[in-house]
């Protein structure tokens, strides 16, 4: 039987799981040179807490690591996790107070004042 590959280090899986957990995620880079130990980098909660998470591959010890960087605002400098669990990543973000988007922000874009005025005028004609 084939052993399952740890999907947490896969860029698309990692970002999907964070988005499913309610976080806003931006792709920063998903292609580094072969000589570089970094696999990919994302930003969580852009424009607010702006946490960079970089996945590092470590072939020597057969373990991968995630580095969290925000200039020392929420995470101490050089904070990293060695984990194969998305739950640990999500719990770490929530434990540091990194906000999740509300349902309104996810599903319903905000109308501009002009659009609100158009909607109100069209309602008056009914």
PDB file of N, CA and C in Angstrom:
ATOM      1  N   UNK A   1       0.839  -1.178   0.000  1.00  0.00           N
ATOM      2  CA  UNK A   1       0.000   0.000   0.000  1.00  0.00           C
ATOM      3  C   UNK A   1       0.886   1.243   0.000  1.00  0.00           C
ATOM      4  N   UNK A   2       0.530   2.193  -0.845  1.00  0.00           N
ATOM      5  CA  UNK A   2       1.308   3.427  -0.935  1.00  0.00           C
ATOM      6  C   UNK A   2       1.043   4.328   0.262  1.00  0.00           C
ATOM      7  N   UNK A   3       2.104   4.904   0.776  1.00  0.00           N
ATOM      8  CA  UNK A   3       1.989   5.839   1.885  1.00  0.00           C
ATOM      9  C   UNK A   3       1.517   7.187   1.347  1.00  0.00           C
ATOM     10  N   UNK A   4       0.547   7.808   2.045  1.00  0.00           N
ATOM     11  CA  UNK A   4       0.045   9.110   1.618  1.00  0.00           C
ATOM     12  C   UNK A   4       1.098  10.178   1.845  1.00  0.00           C
ATOM     13  N   UNK A   5       1.196  11.083   0.886  1.00  0.00           N
ATOM     14  CA  UNK A   5       2.126  12.200   1.004  1.00  0.00           C
ATOM     15  C   UNK A   5       1.502  13.257   1.901  1.00  0.00           C
ATOM     16  N   UNK A   6       2.320  13.883   2.718  1.00  0.00           N
ATOM     17  CA  UNK A   6       1.856  14.953   3.590  1.00  0.00           C
ATOM     18  C   UNK A   6       1.423  16.150   2.751  1.00  0.00           C
ATOM     19  N   UNK A   7       0.140  16.378   2.665  1.00  0.00           N
ATOM     20  CA  UNK A   7      -0.383  17.407   1.781  1.00  0.00           C
ATOM     21  C   UNK A   7      -0.269  18.822   2.348  1.00  0.00           C
ATOM     22  N   UNK A   8       0.045  18.958   3.607  1.00  0.00           N
ATOM     23  CA  UNK A   8       0.116  20.296   4.209  1.00  0.00           C
ATOM     24  C   UNK A   8       1.189  21.156   3.530  1.00  0.00           C
ATOM     25  N   UNK A   9       2.178  20.530   2.952  1.00  0.00           N
ATOM     26  CA  UNK A   9       3.243  21.286   2.294  1.00  0.00           C
ATOM     27  C   UNK A   9       2.908  21.597   0.838  1.00  0.00           C
ATOM     28  N   UNK A  10       1.787  21.107   0.360  1.00  0.00           N
ATOM     29  CA  UNK A  10       1.337  21.423  -0.989  1.00  0.00           C
ATOM     30  C   UNK A  10       0.641  22.775  -0.966  1.00  0.00           C
ATOM     31  N   UNK A  11       1.109  23.683  -1.812  1.00  0.00           N
ATOM     32  CA  UNK A  11       0.614  25.060  -1.814  1.00  0.00           C
ATOM     33  C   UNK A  11      -0.914  25.138  -1.919  1.00  0.00           C
ATOM     34  N   UNK A  12      -1.492  24.454  -2.898  1.00  0.00           N
ATOM     35  CA  UNK A  12      -2.940  24.553  -3.119  1.00  0.00           C
ATOM     36  C   UNK A  12      -3.741  23.980  -1.949  1.00  0.00           C
ATOM     37  N   UNK A  13      -3.273  22.892  -1.377  1.00  0.00           N
ATOM     38  CA  UNK A  13      -3.956  22.294  -0.224  1.00  0.00           C
ATOM     39  C   UNK A  13      -3.888  23.219   0.987  1.00  0.00           C
ATOM     40  N   UNK A  14      -2.720  23.764   1.247  1.00  0.00           N
ATOM     41  CA  UNK A  14      -2.515  24.645   2.392  1.00  0.00           C
ATOM     42  C   UNK A  14      -3.430  25.874   2.297  1.00  0.00           C
ATOM     43  N   UNK A  15      -3.436  26.523   1.131  1.00  0.00           N
ATOM     44  CA  UNK A  15      -4.251  27.735   0.977  1.00  0.00           C
ATOM     45  C   UNK A  15      -5.741  27.418   1.037  1.00  0.00           C
ATOM     46  N   UNK A  16      -6.155  26.306   0.442  1.00  0.00           N
ATOM     47  CA  UNK A  16      -7.573  25.939   0.491  1.00  0.00           C
ATOM     48  C   UNK A  16      -8.029  25.695   1.924  1.00  0.00           C
ATOM     49  N   UNK A  17      -7.231  24.984   2.680  1.00  0.00           N
ATOM     50  CA  UNK A  17      -7.603  24.704   4.077  1.00  0.00           C
ATOM     51  C   UNK A  17      -7.668  25.980   4.912  1.00  0.00           C
ATOM     52  N   UNK A  18      -6.749  26.928   4.677  1.00  0.00           N
ATOM     53  CA  UNK A  18      -6.811  28.196   5.412  1.00  0.00           C
ATOM     54  C   UNK A  18      -8.049  29.001   5.007  1.00  0.00           C
ATOM     55  N   UNK A  19      -8.339  29.032   3.713  1.00  0.00           N
ATOM     56  CA  UNK A  19      -9.542  29.743   3.248  1.00  0.00           C
ATOM     57  C   UNK A  19     -10.797  29.091   3.799  1.00  0.00           C
ATOM     58  N   UNK A  20     -10.840  27.766   3.819  1.00  0.00           N
ATOM     59  CA  UNK A  20     -11.982  27.045   4.388  1.00  0.00           C
ATOM     60  C   UNK A  20     -12.130  27.319   5.882  1.00  0.00           C
ATOM     61  N   UNK A  21     -11.024  27.662   6.538  1.00  0.00           N
ATOM     62  CA  UNK A  21     -11.056  27.994   7.969  1.00  0.00           C
ATOM     63  C   UNK A  21     -11.401  29.462   8.202  1.00  0.00           C
ATOM     64  N   UNK A  22     -11.632  30.212   7.123  1.00  0.00           N
ATOM     65  CA  UNK A  22     -12.097  31.589   7.256  1.00  0.00           C
ATOM     66  C   UNK A  22     -11.035  32.654   7.130  1.00  0.00           C
ATOM     67  N   UNK A  23      -9.819  32.293   6.773  1.00  0.00           N
ATOM     68  CA  UNK A  23      -8.753  33.279   6.652  1.00  0.00           C
ATOM     69  C   UNK A  23      -8.658  33.798   5.227  1.00  0.00           C
ATOM     70  N   UNK A  24      -8.290  35.062   5.081  1.00  0.00           N
ATOM     71  CA  UNK A  24      -7.989  35.606   3.765  1.00  0.00           C
ATOM     72  C   UNK A  24      -6.537  35.275   3.464  1.00  0.00           C
ATOM     73  N   UNK A  25      -6.293  34.710   2.290  1.00  0.00           N
ATOM     74  CA  UNK A  25      -4.954  34.225   1.927  1.00  0.00           C
ATOM     75  C   UNK A  25      -4.585  34.770   0.557  1.00  0.00           C
ATOM     76  N   UNK A  26      -3.402  35.353   0.471  1.00  0.00           N
ATOM     77  CA  UNK A  26      -2.857  35.815  -0.809  1.00  0.00           C
ATOM     78  C   UNK A  26      -1.619  35.006  -1.142  1.00  0.00           C
ATOM     79  N   UNK A  27      -1.479  34.626  -2.402  1.00  0.00           N
ATOM     80  CA  UNK A  27      -0.265  33.952  -2.866  1.00  0.00           C
ATOM     81  C   UNK A  27       0.806  35.023  -3.056  1.00  0.00           C
ATOM     82  N   UNK A  28       1.950  34.825  -2.462  1.00  0.00           N
ATOM     83  CA  UNK A  28       3.085  35.724  -2.652  1.00  0.00           C
ATOM     84  C   UNK A  28       4.053  35.112  -3.658  1.00  0.00           C
ATOM     85  N   UNK A  29       4.441  33.870  -3.426  1.00  0.00           N
ATOM     86  CA  UNK A  29       5.352  33.201  -4.358  1.00  0.00           C
ATOM     87  C   UNK A  29       5.181  31.698  -4.198  1.00  0.00           C
ATOM     88  N   UNK A  30       5.035  30.999  -5.317  1.00  0.00           N
ATOM     89  CA  UNK A  30       4.961  29.541  -5.245  1.00  0.00           C
ATOM     90  C   UNK A  30       6.026  28.867  -6.106  1.00  0.00           C
ATOM     91  N   UNK A  31       7.015  29.656  -6.548  1.00  0.00           N
ATOM     92  CA  UNK A  31       8.108  29.103  -7.346  1.00  0.00           C
ATOM     93  C   UNK A  31       9.429  29.731  -6.916  1.00  0.00           C
ATOM     94  N   UNK A  32      10.232  28.965  -6.228  1.00  0.00           N
ATOM     95  CA  UNK A  32      11.579  29.377  -5.868  1.00  0.00           C
ATOM     96  C   UNK A  32      12.561  28.500  -6.643  1.00  0.00           C
ATOM     97  N   UNK A  33      13.815  28.895  -6.704  1.00  0.00           N
ATOM     98  CA  UNK A  33      14.801  28.092  -7.433  1.00  0.00           C
ATOM     99  C   UNK A  33      15.005  26.746  -6.726  1.00  0.00           C
ATOM    100  N   UNK A  34      15.530  25.797  -7.454  1.00  0.00           N
ATOM    101  CA  UNK A  34      15.764  24.462  -6.883  1.00  0.00           C
ATOM    102  C   UNK A  34      16.788  24.502  -5.752  1.00  0.00           C
ATOM    103  N   UNK A  35      17.704  25.454  -5.803  1.00  0.00           N
ATOM    104  CA  UNK A  35      18.727  25.564  -4.764  1.00  0.00           C
ATOM    105  C   UNK A  35      18.179  26.186  -3.483  1.00  0.00           C
ATOM    106  N   UNK A  36      17.025  26.820  -3.564  1.00  0.00           N
ATOM    107  CA  UNK A  36      16.411  27.517  -2.430  1.00  0.00           C
ATOM    108  C   UNK A  36      15.618  26.523  -1.588  1.00  0.00           C
ATOM    109  N   UNK A  37      15.733  26.602  -0.286  1.00  0.00           N
ATOM    110  CA  UNK A  37      15.003  25.700   0.608  1.00  0.00           C
ATOM    111  C   UNK A  37      13.528  26.073   0.734  1.00  0.00           C
ATOM    112  N   UNK A  38      13.148  27.260   0.270  1.00  0.00           N
ATOM    113  CA  UNK A  38      11.745  27.673   0.353  1.00  0.00           C
ATOM    114  C   UNK A  38      10.930  26.997  -0.744  1.00  0.00           C
ATOM    115  N   UNK A  39       9.705  26.582  -0.385  1.00  0.00           N
ATOM    116  CA  UNK A  39       8.785  26.006  -1.372  1.00  0.00           C
ATOM    117  C   UNK A  39       7.818  27.067  -1.877  1.00  0.00           C
ATOM    118  N   UNK A  40       7.184  27.794  -0.955  1.00  0.00           N
ATOM    119  CA  UNK A  40       6.206  28.817  -1.305  1.00  0.00           C
ATOM    120  C   UNK A  40       5.992  29.757  -0.124  1.00  0.00           C
ATOM    121  N   UNK A  41       5.365  30.926  -0.410  1.00  0.00           N
ATOM    122  CA  UNK A  41       5.063  31.916   0.621  1.00  0.00           C
ATOM    123  C   UNK A  41       3.657  32.456   0.382  1.00  0.00           C
ATOM    124  N   UNK A  42       2.888  32.589   1.463  1.00  0.00           N
ATOM    125  CA  UNK A  42       1.554  33.193   1.407  1.00  0.00           C
ATOM    126  C   UNK A  42       1.481  34.318   2.430  1.00  0.00           C
ATOM    127  N   UNK A  43       0.485  35.196   2.260  1.00  0.00           N
ATOM    128  CA  UNK A  43       0.207  36.230   3.262  1.00  0.00           C
ATOM    129  C   UNK A  43      -1.203  35.989   3.799  1.00  0.00           C
ATOM    130  N   UNK A  44      -1.322  35.994   5.106  1.00  0.00           N
ATOM    131  CA  UNK A  44      -2.598  35.828   5.782  1.00  0.00           C
ATOM    132  C   UNK A  44      -3.055  37.201   6.281  1.00  0.00           C
ATOM    133  N   UNK A  45      -4.344  37.488   6.119  1.00  0.00           N
ATOM    134  CA  UNK A  45      -4.944  38.740   6.590  1.00  0.00           C
ATOM    135  C   UNK A  45      -4.219  39.971   6.034  1.00  0.00           C
ATOM    136  N   UNK A  46      -4.102  40.046   4.689  1.00  0.00           N
ATOM    137  CA  UNK A  46      -3.377  41.170   4.074  1.00  0.00           C
ATOM    138  C   UNK A  46      -4.016  42.515   4.397  1.00  0.00           C
ATOM    139  N   UNK A  47      -3.185  43.519   4.610  1.00  0.00           N
ATOM    140  CA  UNK A  47      -3.662  44.864   4.891  1.00  0.00           C
ATOM    141  C   UNK A  47      -4.052  45.081   6.339  1.00  0.00           C
ATOM    142  N   UNK A  48      -4.000  44.036   7.123  1.00  0.00           N
ATOM    143  CA  UNK A  48      -4.339  44.169   8.541  1.00  0.00           C
ATOM    144  C   UNK A  48      -3.150  43.644   9.360  1.00  0.00           C
ATOM    145  N   UNK A  49      -3.165  42.361   9.716  1.00  0.00           N
ATOM    146  CA  UNK A  49      -2.027  41.803  10.455  1.00  0.00           C
ATOM    147  C   UNK A  49      -0.900  41.390   9.510  1.00  0.00           C
ATOM    148  N   UNK A  50      -1.221  41.070   8.275  1.00  0.00           N
ATOM    149  CA  UNK A  50      -0.245  40.762   7.209  1.00  0.00           C
ATOM    150  C   UNK A  50       0.845  39.789   7.655  1.00  0.00           C
ATOM    151  N   UNK A  51       0.442  38.571   7.912  1.00  0.00           N
ATOM    152  CA  UNK A  51       1.360  37.524   8.350  1.00  0.00           C
ATOM    153  C   UNK A  51       1.883  36.773   7.128  1.00  0.00           C
ATOM    154  N   UNK A  52       3.191  36.713   6.957  1.00  0.00           N
ATOM    155  CA  UNK A  52       3.793  35.896   5.906  1.00  0.00           C
ATOM    156  C   UNK A  52       4.053  34.498   6.470  1.00  0.00           C
ATOM    157  N   UNK A  53       3.644  33.475   5.726  1.00  0.00           N
ATOM    158  CA  UNK A  53       3.985  32.099   6.089  1.00  0.00           C
ATOM    159  C   UNK A  53       4.762  31.517   4.920  1.00  0.00           C
ATOM    160  N   UNK A  54       5.963  31.038   5.212  1.00  0.00           N
ATOM    161  CA  UNK A  54       6.809  30.424   4.190  1.00  0.00           C
ATOM    162  C   UNK A  54       7.035  28.967   4.555  1.00  0.00           C
ATOM    163  N   UNK A  55       6.818  28.093   3.576  1.00  0.00           N
ATOM    164  CA  UNK A  55       7.078  26.667   3.749  1.00  0.00           C
ATOM    165  C   UNK A  55       8.489  26.380   3.274  1.00  0.00           C
ATOM    166  N   UNK A  56       9.271  25.732   4.133  1.00  0.00           N
ATOM    167  CA  UNK A  56      10.645  25.334   3.808  1.00  0.00           C
ATOM    168  C   UNK A  56      10.711  23.825   3.698  1.00  0.00           C
ATOM    169  N   UNK A  57      11.441  23.337   2.711  1.00  0.00           N
ATOM    170  CA  UNK A  57      11.677  21.904   2.584  1.00  0.00           C
ATOM    171  C   UNK A  57      13.047  21.601   3.174  1.00  0.00           C
ATOM    172  N   UNK A  58      13.136  20.482   3.827  1.00  0.00           N
ATOM    173  CA  UNK A  58      14.399  20.087   4.424  1.00  0.00           C
ATOM    174  C   UNK A  58      14.618  18.613   4.113  1.00  0.00           C
ATOM    175  N   UNK A  59      15.273  18.337   3.015  1.00  0.00           N
ATOM    176  CA  UNK A  59      15.503  16.967   2.574  1.00  0.00           C
ATOM    177  C   UNK A  59      16.433  16.181   3.472  1.00  0.00           C
ATOM    178  N   UNK A  60      17.367  16.856   4.147  1.00  0.00           N
ATOM    179  CA  UNK A  60      18.335  16.160   4.993  1.00  0.00           C
ATOM    180  C   UNK A  60      17.666  15.429   6.145  1.00  0.00           C
ATOM    181  N   UNK A  61      16.662  16.058   6.744  1.00  0.00           N
ATOM    182  CA  UNK A  61      16.005  15.479   7.912  1.00  0.00           C
ATOM    183  C   UNK A  61      14.605  14.980   7.592  1.00  0.00           C
ATOM    184  N   UNK A  62      14.216  15.050   6.301  1.00  0.00           N
ATOM    185  CA  UNK A  62      12.902  14.608   5.846  1.00  0.00           C
ATOM    186  C   UNK A  62      11.782  15.262   6.653  1.00  0.00           C
ATOM    187  N   UNK A  63      11.922  16.549   6.916  1.00  0.00           N
ATOM    188  CA  UNK A  63      10.882  17.288   7.618  1.00  0.00           C
ATOM    189  C   UNK A  63      10.741  18.663   6.973  1.00  0.00           C
ATOM    190  N   UNK A  64       9.551  19.175   7.012  1.00  0.00           N
ATOM    191  CA  UNK A  64       9.287  20.500   6.471  1.00  0.00           C
ATOM    192  C   UNK A  64       8.943  21.434   7.618  1.00  0.00           C
ATOM    193  N   UNK A  65       9.127  22.723   7.364  1.00  0.00           N
ATOM    194  CA  UNK A  65       8.955  23.713   8.413  1.00  0.00           C
ATOM    195  C   UNK A  65       8.183  24.905   7.852  1.00  0.00           C
ATOM    196  N   UNK A  66       7.404  25.550   8.697  1.00  0.00           N
ATOM    197  CA  UNK A  66       6.673  26.748   8.332  1.00  0.00           C
ATOM    198  C   UNK A  66       7.185  27.907   9.171  1.00  0.00           C
ATOM    199  N   UNK A  67       7.609  28.965   8.507  1.00  0.00           N
ATOM    200  CA  UNK A  67       8.077  30.161   9.201  1.00  0.00           C
ATOM    201  C   UNK A  67       6.988  31.223   9.122  1.00  0.00           C
ATOM    202  N   UNK A  68       6.702  31.853  10.251  1.00  0.00           N
ATOM    203  CA  UNK A  68       5.725  32.931  10.348  1.00  0.00           C
ATOM    204  C   UNK A  68       6.487  34.231  10.530  1.00  0.00           C
ATOM    205  N   UNK A  69       6.167  35.227   9.717  1.00  0.00           N
ATOM    206  CA  UNK A  69       6.882  36.504   9.820  1.00  0.00           C
ATOM    207  C   UNK A  69       5.908  37.667   9.671  1.00  0.00           C
ATOM    208  N   UNK A  70       5.985  38.583  10.619  1.00  0.00           N
ATOM    209  CA  UNK A  70       5.168  39.798  10.567  1.00  0.00           C
ATOM    210  C   UNK A  70       5.903  40.998  11.154  1.00  0.00           C
ATOM    211  N   UNK A  71       7.225  40.921  11.172  1.00  0.00           N
ATOM    212  CA  UNK A  71       8.019  42.010  11.736  1.00  0.00           C
ATOM    213  C   UNK A  71       7.976  42.069  13.248  1.00  0.00           C
ATOM    214  N   UNK A  72       7.585  40.971  13.889  1.00  0.00           N
ATOM    215  CA  UNK A  72       7.567  40.917  15.351  1.00  0.00           C
ATOM    216  C   UNK A  72       6.305  41.474  15.994  1.00  0.00           C
ATOM    217  N   UNK A  73       5.253  41.695  15.225  1.00  0.00           N
ATOM    218  CA  UNK A  73       4.018  42.258  15.787  1.00  0.00           C
ATOM    219  C   UNK A  73       3.217  41.224  16.581  1.00  0.00           C
ATOM    220  N   UNK A  74       2.942  40.073  15.985  1.00  0.00           N
ATOM    221  CA  UNK A  74       2.173  39.012  16.635  1.00  0.00           C
ATOM    222  C   UNK A  74       3.035  37.789  16.930  1.00  0.00           C
ATOM    223  N   UNK A  75       4.025  37.553  16.083  1.00  0.00           N
ATOM    224  CA  UNK A  75       4.910  36.395  16.233  1.00  0.00           C
ATOM    225  C   UNK A  75       6.324  36.887  16.510  1.00  0.00           C
ATOM    226  N   UNK A  76       7.001  36.223  17.439  1.00  0.00           N
ATOM    227  CA  UNK A  76       8.402  36.601  17.687  1.00  0.00           C
ATOM    228  C   UNK A  76       9.204  36.337  16.421  1.00  0.00           C
ATOM    229  N   UNK A  77      10.260  37.058  16.257  1.00  0.00           N
ATOM    230  CA  UNK A  77      11.086  36.904  15.052  1.00  0.00           C
ATOM    231  C   UNK A  77      11.608  35.473  14.948  1.00  0.00           C
ATOM    232  N   UNK A  78      11.663  34.984  13.714  1.00  0.00           N
ATOM    233  CA  UNK A  78      12.123  33.623  13.411  1.00  0.00           C
ATOM    234  C   UNK A  78      11.228  32.530  14.000  1.00  0.00           C
ATOM    235  N   UNK A  79       9.947  32.847  14.232  1.00  0.00           N
ATOM    236  CA  UNK A  79       9.015  31.842  14.749  1.00  0.00           C
ATOM    237  C   UNK A  79       8.753  30.804  13.659  1.00  0.00           C
ATOM    238  N   UNK A  80       8.928  29.543  13.988  1.00  0.00           N
ATOM    239  CA  UNK A  80       8.680  28.487  13.013  1.00  0.00           C
ATOM    240  C   UNK A  80       8.020  27.285  13.683  1.00  0.00           C
ATOM    241  N   UNK A  81       7.313  26.517  12.856  1.00  0.00           N
ATOM    242  CA  UNK A  81       6.641  25.308  13.313  1.00  0.00           C
ATOM    243  C   UNK A  81       7.045  24.150  12.414  1.00  0.00           C
ATOM    244  N   UNK A  82       7.313  23.026  13.019  1.00  0.00           N
ATOM    245  CA  UNK A  82       7.473  21.778  12.279  1.00  0.00           C
ATOM    246  C   UNK A  82       6.237  20.959  12.615  1.00  0.00           C
ATOM    247  N   UNK A  83       5.329  20.843  11.651  1.00  0.00           N
ATOM    248  CA  UNK A  83       4.085  20.125  11.889  1.00  0.00           C
ATOM    249  C   UNK A  83       3.588  19.520  10.592  1.00  0.00           C
ATOM    250  N   UNK A  84       2.791  18.475  10.723  1.00  0.00           N
ATOM    251  CA  UNK A  84       2.116  17.889   9.569  1.00  0.00           C
ATOM    252  C   UNK A  84       0.605  18.071   9.697  1.00  0.00           C
ATOM    253  N   UNK A  85       0.206  18.954  10.617  1.00  0.00           N
ATOM    254  CA  UNK A  85      -1.212  19.154  10.910  1.00  0.00           C
ATOM    255  C   UNK A  85      -1.676  20.568  10.579  1.00  0.00           C
ATOM    256  N   UNK A  86      -2.700  20.671   9.735  1.00  0.00           N
ATOM    257  CA  UNK A  86      -3.298  21.980   9.446  1.00  0.00           C
ATOM    258  C   UNK A  86      -3.943  22.547  10.700  1.00  0.00           C
ATOM    259  N   UNK A  87      -4.439  21.661  11.546  1.00  0.00           N
ATOM    260  CA  UNK A  87      -5.083  22.087  12.790  1.00  0.00           C
ATOM    261  C   UNK A  87      -4.111  22.884  13.653  1.00  0.00           C
ATOM    262  N   UNK A  88      -2.857  22.485  13.679  1.00  0.00           N
ATOM    263  CA  UNK A  88      -1.839  23.198  14.449  1.00  0.00           C
ATOM    264  C   UNK A  88      -1.622  24.597  13.858  1.00  0.00           C
ATOM    265  N   UNK A  89      -1.588  24.705  12.533  1.00  0.00           N
ATOM    266  CA  UNK A  89      -1.409  26.004  11.881  1.00  0.00           C
ATOM    267  C   UNK A  89      -2.576  26.919  12.217  1.00  0.00           C
ATOM    268  N   UNK A  90      -3.810  26.430  12.048  1.00  0.00           N
ATOM    269  CA  UNK A  90      -5.009  27.234  12.305  1.00  0.00           C
ATOM    270  C   UNK A  90      -5.085  27.636  13.768  1.00  0.00           C
ATOM    271  N   UNK A  91      -4.830  26.698  14.667  1.00  0.00           N
ATOM    272  CA  UNK A  91      -4.860  26.989  16.106  1.00  0.00           C
ATOM    273  C   UNK A  91      -3.810  28.031  16.478  1.00  0.00           C
ATOM    274  N   UNK A  92      -2.644  27.957  15.865  1.00  0.00           N
ATOM    275  CA  UNK A  92      -1.582  28.939  16.120  1.00  0.00           C
ATOM    276  C   UNK A  92      -2.028  30.330  15.689  1.00  0.00           C
ATOM    277  N   UNK A  93      -2.617  30.445  14.508  1.00  0.00           N
ATOM    278  CA  UNK A  93      -3.095  31.747  14.025  1.00  0.00           C
ATOM    279  C   UNK A  93      -4.188  32.302  14.937  1.00  0.00           C
ATOM    280  N   UNK A  94      -5.150  31.464  15.298  1.00  0.00           N
ATOM    281  CA  UNK A  94      -6.234  31.915  16.174  1.00  0.00           C
ATOM    282  C   UNK A  94      -5.713  32.287  17.559  1.00  0.00           C
ATOM    283  N   UNK A  95      -4.761  31.514  18.060  1.00  0.00           N
ATOM    284  CA  UNK A  95      -4.174  31.790  19.369  1.00  0.00           C
ATOM    285  C   UNK A  95      -3.456  33.125  19.436  1.00  0.00           C
ATOM    286  N   UNK A  96      -2.941  33.581  18.316  1.00  0.00           N
ATOM    287  CA  UNK A  96      -2.256  34.877  18.256  1.00  0.00           C
ATOM    288  C   UNK A  96      -3.222  36.017  17.921  1.00  0.00           C
ATOM    289  N   UNK A  97      -4.501  35.697  17.752  1.00  0.00           N
ATOM    290  CA  UNK A  97      -5.501  36.745  17.501  1.00  0.00           C
ATOM    291  C   UNK A  97      -5.604  37.173  16.048  1.00  0.00           C
ATOM    292  N   UNK A  98      -5.153  36.344  15.123  1.00  0.00           N
ATOM    293  CA  UNK A  98      -5.259  36.676  13.700  1.00  0.00           C
ATOM    294  C   UNK A  98      -6.715  36.495  13.291  1.00  0.00           C
ATOM    295  N   UNK A  99      -7.355  37.551  12.778  1.00  0.00           N
ATOM    296  CA  UNK A  99      -8.806  37.484  12.531  1.00  0.00           C
ATOM    297  C   UNK A  99      -9.178  36.663  11.303  1.00  0.00           C
ATOM    298  N   UNK A 100     -10.334  36.031  11.416  1.00  0.00           N
ATOM    299  CA  UNK A 100     -10.945  35.366  10.278  1.00  0.00           C
ATOM    300  C   UNK A 100     -11.944  36.347   9.676  1.00  0.00           C
ATOM    301  N   UNK A 101     -12.230  36.180   8.389  1.00  0.00           N
ATOM    302  CA  UNK A 101     -13.223  37.029   7.746  1.00  0.00           C
ATOM    303  C   UNK A 101     -14.604  36.614   8.227  1.00  0.00           C
ATOM    304  N   UNK A 102     -15.515  37.587   8.294  1.00  0.00           N
ATOM    305  CA  UNK A 102     -16.890  37.255   8.643  1.00  0.00           C
ATOM    306  C   UNK A 102     -17.597  36.719   7.408  1.00  0.00           C
ATOM    307  N   UNK A 103     -18.761  36.109   7.591  1.00  0.00           N
ATOM    308  CA  UNK A 103     -19.524  35.569   6.460  1.00  0.00           C
ATOM    309  C   UNK A 103     -19.908  36.664   5.484  1.00  0.00           C
ATOM    310  N   UNK A 104     -20.218  37.848   5.989  1.00  0.00           N
ATOM    311  CA  UNK A 104     -20.599  38.957   5.112  1.00  0.00           C
ATOM    312  C   UNK A 104     -19.448  39.332   4.184  1.00  0.00           C
ATOM    313  N   UNK A 105     -18.243  39.356   4.717  1.00  0.00           N
ATOM    314  CA  UNK A 105     -17.079  39.708   3.900  1.00  0.00           C
ATOM    315  C   UNK A 105     -16.796  38.647   2.852  1.00  0.00           C
ATOM    316  N   UNK A 106     -17.071  37.381   3.154  1.00  0.00           N
ATOM    317  CA  UNK A 106     -16.798  36.300   2.218  1.00  0.00           C
ATOM    318  C   UNK A 106     -17.792  36.284   1.064  1.00  0.00           C
ATOM    319  N   UNK A 107     -19.080  36.485   1.385  1.00  0.00           N
ATOM    320  CA  UNK A 107     -20.117  36.186   0.416  1.00  0.00           C
ATOM    321  C   UNK A 107     -20.740  37.399  -0.264  1.00  0.00           C
ATOM    322  N   UNK A 108     -20.857  38.497   0.420  1.00  0.00           N
ATOM    323  CA  UNK A 108     -21.604  39.627  -0.113  1.00  0.00           C
ATOM    324  C   UNK A 108     -20.704  40.841  -0.228  1.00  0.00           C
ATOM    325  N   UNK A 109     -20.383  41.265  -1.450  1.00  0.00           N
ATOM    326  CA  UNK A 109     -19.571  42.479  -1.581  1.00  0.00           C
ATOM    327  C   UNK A 109     -20.373  43.696  -1.153  1.00  0.00           C
ATOM    328  N   UNK A 110     -19.701  44.651  -0.589  1.00  0.00           N
ATOM    329  CA  UNK A 110     -20.347  45.885  -0.121  1.00  0.00           C
ATOM    330  C   UNK A 110     -20.748  46.744  -1.314  1.00  0.00           C
ATOM    331  N   UNK A 111     -21.957  47.272  -1.277  1.00  0.00           N
ATOM    332  CA  UNK A 111     -22.433  48.185  -2.322  1.00  0.00           C
ATOM    333  C   UNK A 111     -21.846  49.569  -2.089  1.00  0.00           C
ATOM    334  N   UNK A 112     -21.526  50.241  -3.181  1.00  0.00           N
ATOM    335  CA  UNK A 112     -21.089  51.635  -3.063  1.00  0.00           C
ATOM    336  C   UNK A 112     -22.305  52.507  -2.781  1.00  0.00           C
ATOM    337  N   UNK A 113     -22.083  53.754  -2.346  1.00  0.00           N
ATOM    338  CA  UNK A 113     -23.189  54.671  -2.088  1.00  0.00           C
ATOM    339  C   UNK A 113     -24.011  54.894  -3.356  1.00  0.00           C
ATOM    340  N   UNK A 114     -23.344  54.961  -4.505  1.00  0.00           N
ATOM    341  CA  UNK A 114     -24.045  55.158  -5.774  1.00  0.00           C
ATOM    342  C   UNK A 114     -24.957  53.961  -6.069  1.00  0.00           C
ATOM    343  N   UNK A 115     -24.444  52.755  -5.848  1.00  0.00           N
ATOM    344  CA  UNK A 115     -25.258  51.556  -6.081  1.00  0.00           C
ATOM    345  C   UNK A 115     -26.432  51.505  -5.114  1.00  0.00           C
ATOM    346  N   UNK A 116     -26.214  51.906  -3.861  1.00  0.00           N
ATOM    347  CA  UNK A 116     -27.304  51.927  -2.892  1.00  0.00           C
ATOM    348  C   UNK A 116     -28.383  52.894  -3.339  1.00  0.00           C
ATOM    349  N   UNK A 117     -27.973  54.054  -3.867  1.00  0.00           N
ATOM    350  CA  UNK A 117     -28.936  55.046  -4.351  1.00  0.00           C
ATOM    351  C   UNK A 117     -29.741  54.509  -5.523  1.00  0.00           C
ATOM    352  N   UNK A 118     -29.102  53.802  -6.434  1.00  0.00           N
ATOM    353  CA  UNK A 118     -29.797  53.215  -7.584  1.00  0.00           C
ATOM    354  C   UNK A 118     -30.794  52.174  -7.110  1.00  0.00           C
ATOM    355  N   UNK A 119     -30.391  51.369  -6.149  1.00  0.00           N
ATOM    356  CA  UNK A 119     -31.299  50.348  -5.630  1.00  0.00           C
ATOM    357  C   UNK A 119     -32.507  50.982  -4.937  1.00  0.00           C
ATOM    358  N   UNK A 120     -32.271  52.050  -4.164  1.00  0.00           N
ATOM    359  CA  UNK A 120     -33.368  52.720  -3.486  1.00  0.00           C
ATOM    360  C   UNK A 120     -34.319  53.344  -4.483  1.00  0.00           C
ATOM    361  N   UNK A 121     -33.807  53.989  -5.532  1.00  0.00           N
ATOM    362  CA  UNK A 121     -34.670  54.621  -6.535  1.00  0.00           C
ATOM    363  C   UNK A 121     -35.492  53.576  -7.276  1.00  0.00           C
ATOM    364  N   UNK A 122     -34.880  52.431  -7.585  1.00  0.00           N
ATOM    365  CA  UNK A 122     -35.621  51.397  -8.312  1.00  0.00           C
ATOM    366  C   UNK A 122     -36.715  50.805  -7.429  1.00  0.00           C
ATOM    367  N   UNK A 123     -36.483  50.752  -6.114  1.00  0.00           N
ATOM    368  CA  UNK A 123     -37.511  50.268  -5.189  1.00  0.00           C
ATOM    369  C   UNK A 123     -38.688  51.231  -5.112  1.00  0.00           C
ATOM    370  N   UNK A 124     -38.438  52.537  -5.255  1.00  0.00           N
ATOM    371  CA  UNK A 124     -39.494  53.545  -5.164  1.00  0.00           C
ATOM    372  C   UNK A 124     -40.461  53.440  -6.322  1.00  0.00           C
ATOM    373  N   UNK A 125     -40.043  52.937  -7.469  1.00  0.00           N
ATOM    374  CA  UNK A 125     -40.875  52.855  -8.654  1.00  0.00           C
ATOM    375  C   UNK A 125     -41.752  51.619  -8.655  1.00  0.00           C
ATOM    376  N   UNK A 126     -41.620  50.751  -7.708  1.00  0.00           N
ATOM    377  CA  UNK A 126     -42.410  49.500  -7.677  1.00  0.00           C
ATOM    378  C   UNK A 126     -43.773  49.743  -7.108  1.00  0.00           C
TER     379      UNK A 126
END
